């Protein structure tokens, strides 16, 4: 018994040394320490949960931060996977897609992507109240999953990576501005042809 306990403890230490963490027990430590967060629905549940989770992870969330996370859209859909016969429940697939982008200085887009969560629930036509209540609960779970997935995405970003993306965006913006200016100067310096006057008959 003692040997088995020592073996389990040894494995646990070995796994933790390799960076392995059980799901739900890992930290959500971010190297990004300042972030502005916004969404089309400024007071929506998803953006509110995300702000709270970020602040709980030591991130200072405020307007005017160097980088801004924008939840550009959140779409909830559902579709029937099966149709129930009398007295049986049907299966419904719930899906939520969250699109986001990270903006830098002068609101320049640096990176963006989408997150998607899907779950299947049973819908009992004979118990509509209970089925609807379950769908609401599952939607809440899906929202928590989305927030956790967003945190994992942010964990993969460092200030150095964001700075590099910002430099690339600045260089592209400068190149575009220079090209526009050159085109305008060319147009301004190109002699305009005067209309041809037709001889009077």
Protein backbone atom coordinates (compact mmCIF):
# COMPACT_ATOMS: atom_id res chain seq x y z
CA UNK A 1 0.00 0.00 0.00
CA UNK A 2 2.81 2.38 0.93
CA UNK A 3 4.72 1.48 -2.23
CA UNK A 4 1.64 2.18 -4.34
CA UNK A 5 1.14 5.59 -2.70
CA UNK A 6 4.79 6.46 -3.25
CA UNK A 7 4.46 5.41 -6.90
CA UNK A 8 1.41 7.64 -7.40
CA UNK A 9 3.14 10.56 -5.72
CA UNK A 10 6.25 10.02 -7.83
CA UNK A 11 4.20 9.99 -11.05
CA UNK A 12 2.39 13.16 -10.01
CA UNK A 13 5.67 14.97 -9.37
CA UNK A 14 7.11 13.71 -12.67
CA UNK A 15 4.07 14.83 -14.68
CA UNK A 16 3.98 18.25 -13.05
CA UNK A 17 7.69 18.67 -13.78
CA UNK A 18 6.93 18.02 -17.46
CA UNK A 19 4.34 20.78 -17.44
CA UNK A 20 1.35 18.45 -17.40
CA UNK A 21 -1.75 19.75 -15.64
CA UNK A 22 -5.11 18.18 -15.07
CA UNK A 23 -7.94 19.94 -16.85
CA UNK A 24 -9.47 22.56 -14.62
CA UNK A 25 -6.51 22.74 -12.26
CA UNK A 26 -4.12 24.72 -14.48
CA UNK A 27 -3.51 28.40 -14.01
CA UNK A 28 -4.68 30.99 -16.48
CA UNK A 29 -1.58 33.13 -16.06
CA UNK A 30 -1.17 35.55 -18.93
CA UNK A 31 1.96 37.43 -19.95
CA UNK A 32 -0.30 40.22 -21.24
CA UNK A 33 -0.95 42.38 -18.19
CA UNK A 34 -3.03 45.18 -19.75
CA UNK A 35 -5.94 44.80 -22.15
CA UNK A 36 -8.95 46.73 -23.31
CA UNK A 37 -11.97 44.46 -23.88
CA UNK A 38 -15.11 45.36 -25.77
CA UNK A 39 -17.99 43.76 -27.63
CA UNK A 40 -20.89 44.82 -29.79
CA UNK A 41 -23.11 43.96 -26.82
CA UNK A 42 -21.10 45.91 -24.24
CA UNK A 43 -22.98 44.39 -21.30
CA UNK A 44 -23.41 40.87 -22.68
CA UNK A 45 -22.78 37.84 -20.51
CA UNK A 46 -19.82 36.61 -22.54
CA UNK A 47 -17.82 39.85 -22.47
CA UNK A 48 -18.72 40.38 -18.79
CA UNK A 49 -17.49 36.88 -17.85
CA UNK A 50 -14.35 37.40 -19.93
CA UNK A 51 -13.53 40.69 -18.20
CA UNK A 52 -14.03 39.10 -14.78
CA UNK A 53 -11.86 36.10 -15.70
CA UNK A 54 -9.09 38.33 -17.05
CA UNK A 55 -9.12 40.51 -13.94
CA UNK A 56 -9.08 37.38 -11.77
CA UNK A 57 -5.95 36.30 -13.66
CA UNK A 58 -4.13 39.53 -12.85
CA UNK A 59 -4.84 41.41 -16.08
CA UNK A 60 -5.68 45.09 -15.80
CA UNK A 61 -8.71 45.63 -18.04
CA UNK A 62 -9.34 49.27 -18.92
CA UNK A 63 -10.20 51.60 -21.79
CA UNK A 64 -7.07 52.93 -23.43
CA UNK A 65 -4.86 49.88 -22.81
CA UNK A 66 -2.11 49.36 -25.44
CA UNK A 67 -4.01 46.45 -27.02
CA UNK A 68 -7.73 45.88 -27.42
CA UNK A 69 -9.63 42.60 -27.64
CA UNK A 70 -12.86 43.06 -29.57
CA UNK A 71 -15.58 40.39 -29.63
CA UNK A 72 -16.91 41.29 -33.06
CA UNK A 73 -19.83 38.86 -33.16
CA UNK A 74 -21.41 36.00 -31.25
CA UNK A 75 -23.86 33.73 -33.06
CA UNK A 76 -26.00 31.07 -31.41
CA UNK A 77 -27.67 28.45 -33.58
CA UNK A 78 -29.43 25.14 -33.10
CA UNK A 79 -30.51 22.36 -35.41
CA UNK A 80 -32.34 19.09 -35.08
CA UNK A 81 -30.17 16.01 -35.36
CA UNK A 82 -33.10 13.63 -35.04
CA UNK A 83 -36.85 13.88 -35.04
CA UNK A 84 -38.75 12.24 -32.22
CA UNK A 85 -41.63 9.89 -32.62
CA UNK A 86 -44.45 9.97 -30.13
CA UNK A 87 -43.21 9.77 -26.55
CA UNK A 88 -39.51 10.07 -27.46
CA UNK A 89 -37.03 12.92 -27.15
CA UNK A 90 -35.25 14.44 -30.13
CA UNK A 91 -31.58 15.41 -30.24
CA UNK A 92 -30.71 19.07 -30.80
CA UNK A 93 -27.23 20.38 -31.58
CA UNK A 94 -26.48 23.75 -30.00
CA UNK A 95 -23.66 25.80 -31.49
CA UNK A 96 -22.06 29.12 -30.61
CA UNK A 97 -19.47 30.89 -32.77
CA UNK A 98 -17.49 33.77 -31.30
CA UNK A 99 -15.47 35.96 -33.68
CA UNK A 100 -12.79 38.21 -32.25
CA UNK A 101 -9.85 40.38 -33.21
CA UNK A 102 -7.05 42.12 -31.38
CA UNK A 103 -6.37 45.74 -32.26
CA UNK A 104 -3.17 47.68 -31.67
CA UNK A 105 -2.29 51.37 -31.83
CA UNK A 106 -4.61 53.48 -33.99
CA UNK A 107 -7.06 50.56 -33.94
CA UNK A 108 -4.94 48.61 -36.41
CA UNK A 109 -6.02 44.94 -36.61
CA UNK A 110 -3.17 42.68 -35.50
CA UNK A 111 -4.73 39.22 -35.34
CA UNK A 112 -8.11 37.57 -35.15
CA UNK A 113 -9.91 34.26 -35.33
CA UNK A 114 -13.07 32.51 -34.20
CA UNK A 115 -13.99 30.10 -31.44
CA UNK A 116 -16.74 27.53 -31.72
CA UNK A 117 -18.46 25.36 -29.13
CA UNK A 118 -21.04 22.65 -29.84
CA UNK A 119 -23.14 20.48 -27.55
CA UNK A 120 -25.99 18.05 -28.09
CA UNK A 121 -29.07 18.03 -25.85
CA UNK A 122 -32.24 15.98 -25.79
CA UNK A 123 -35.48 17.85 -26.25
CA UNK A 124 -38.58 16.20 -24.82
CA UNK A 125 -41.75 17.40 -26.51
CA UNK A 126 -43.75 16.16 -23.52
CA UNK A 127 -41.73 18.30 -21.09
CA UNK A 128 -41.13 21.62 -22.86
CA UNK A 129 -40.41 23.58 -19.66
CA UNK A 130 -37.77 21.12 -18.49
CA UNK A 131 -36.20 20.88 -21.94
CA UNK A 132 -36.03 24.66 -22.37
CA UNK A 133 -34.50 24.99 -18.91
CA UNK A 134 -31.83 22.44 -19.84
CA UNK A 135 -31.03 24.31 -23.06
CA UNK A 136 -30.54 27.55 -21.09
CA UNK A 137 -28.22 25.75 -18.66
CA UNK A 138 -26.22 24.17 -21.50
CA UNK A 139 -25.90 27.58 -23.19
CA UNK A 140 -24.40 28.94 -19.96
CA UNK A 141 -21.91 26.05 -19.88
CA UNK A 142 -21.00 26.74 -23.52
CA UNK A 143 -20.40 30.40 -22.67
CA UNK A 144 -18.02 29.38 -19.90
CA UNK A 145 -16.24 27.07 -22.37
CA UNK A 146 -15.89 29.95 -24.83
CA UNK A 147 -14.39 32.21 -22.16
CA UNK A 148 -11.95 29.46 -21.17
CA UNK A 149 -10.98 28.91 -24.81
CA UNK A 150 -10.44 32.64 -25.22
CA UNK A 151 -8.17 32.64 -22.18
CA UNK A 152 -6.15 29.77 -23.68
CA UNK A 153 -5.76 31.73 -26.93
CA UNK A 154 -4.57 34.79 -24.99
CA UNK A 155 -2.12 32.63 -23.03
CA UNK A 156 -0.40 31.83 -26.33
CA UNK A 157 0.21 35.53 -27.01
CA UNK A 158 3.03 37.49 -25.43
CA UNK A 159 3.67 41.24 -25.40
CA UNK A 160 6.70 40.61 -27.66
CA UNK A 161 4.49 38.85 -30.23
CA UNK A 162 1.95 41.68 -30.12
CA UNK A 163 4.76 44.23 -30.53
CA UNK A 164 6.02 42.34 -33.58
CA UNK A 165 2.50 42.27 -35.06
CA UNK A 166 2.21 45.99 -34.34
CA UNK A 167 5.48 46.71 -36.17
CA UNK A 168 4.24 44.72 -39.18
CA UNK A 169 0.92 46.61 -39.15
CA UNK A 170 2.73 49.96 -38.85
CA UNK A 171 5.02 49.09 -41.78
CA UNK A 172 2.04 48.08 -43.93
CA UNK A 173 0.14 51.25 -43.00
CA UNK A 174 3.18 53.38 -43.90
CA UNK A 175 3.65 51.58 -47.21
CA UNK A 176 -0.03 52.07 -48.07
CA UNK A 177 0.16 55.76 -47.11
CA UNK A 178 3.32 56.26 -49.18
CA UNK A 179 1.75 54.56 -52.19
CA UNK A 180 -1.37 56.70 -51.89
CA UNK A 181 0.73 59.86 -51.59
CA UNK A 182 2.85 58.91 -54.63
CA UNK A 183 -0.27 58.22 -56.68
CA UNK A 184 -1.75 61.57 -55.65
CA UNK A 185 1.48 63.43 -56.53
CA UNK A 186 1.62 61.70 -59.91
CA UNK A 187 -1.95 62.72 -60.64
CA UNK A 188 -1.31 66.30 -59.51
CA UNK A 189 1.82 66.62 -61.69
CA UNK A 190 0.34 65.02 -64.78
CA UNK A 191 -0.70 67.72 -67.30
CA UNK A 192 -4.38 67.75 -67.85
CA UNK A 193 -5.40 67.64 -71.48
CA UNK A 194 -7.50 70.59 -72.48
CA UNK A 195 -10.69 69.75 -74.31
CA UNK A 196 -10.34 69.76 -78.09
CA UNK A 197 -12.04 72.74 -79.63
CA UNK A 198 -14.00 71.91 -82.73
CA UNK A 199 -13.78 74.54 -85.49
CA UNK A 200 -16.92 76.52 -85.95
CA UNK A 201 -18.74 75.73 -89.13
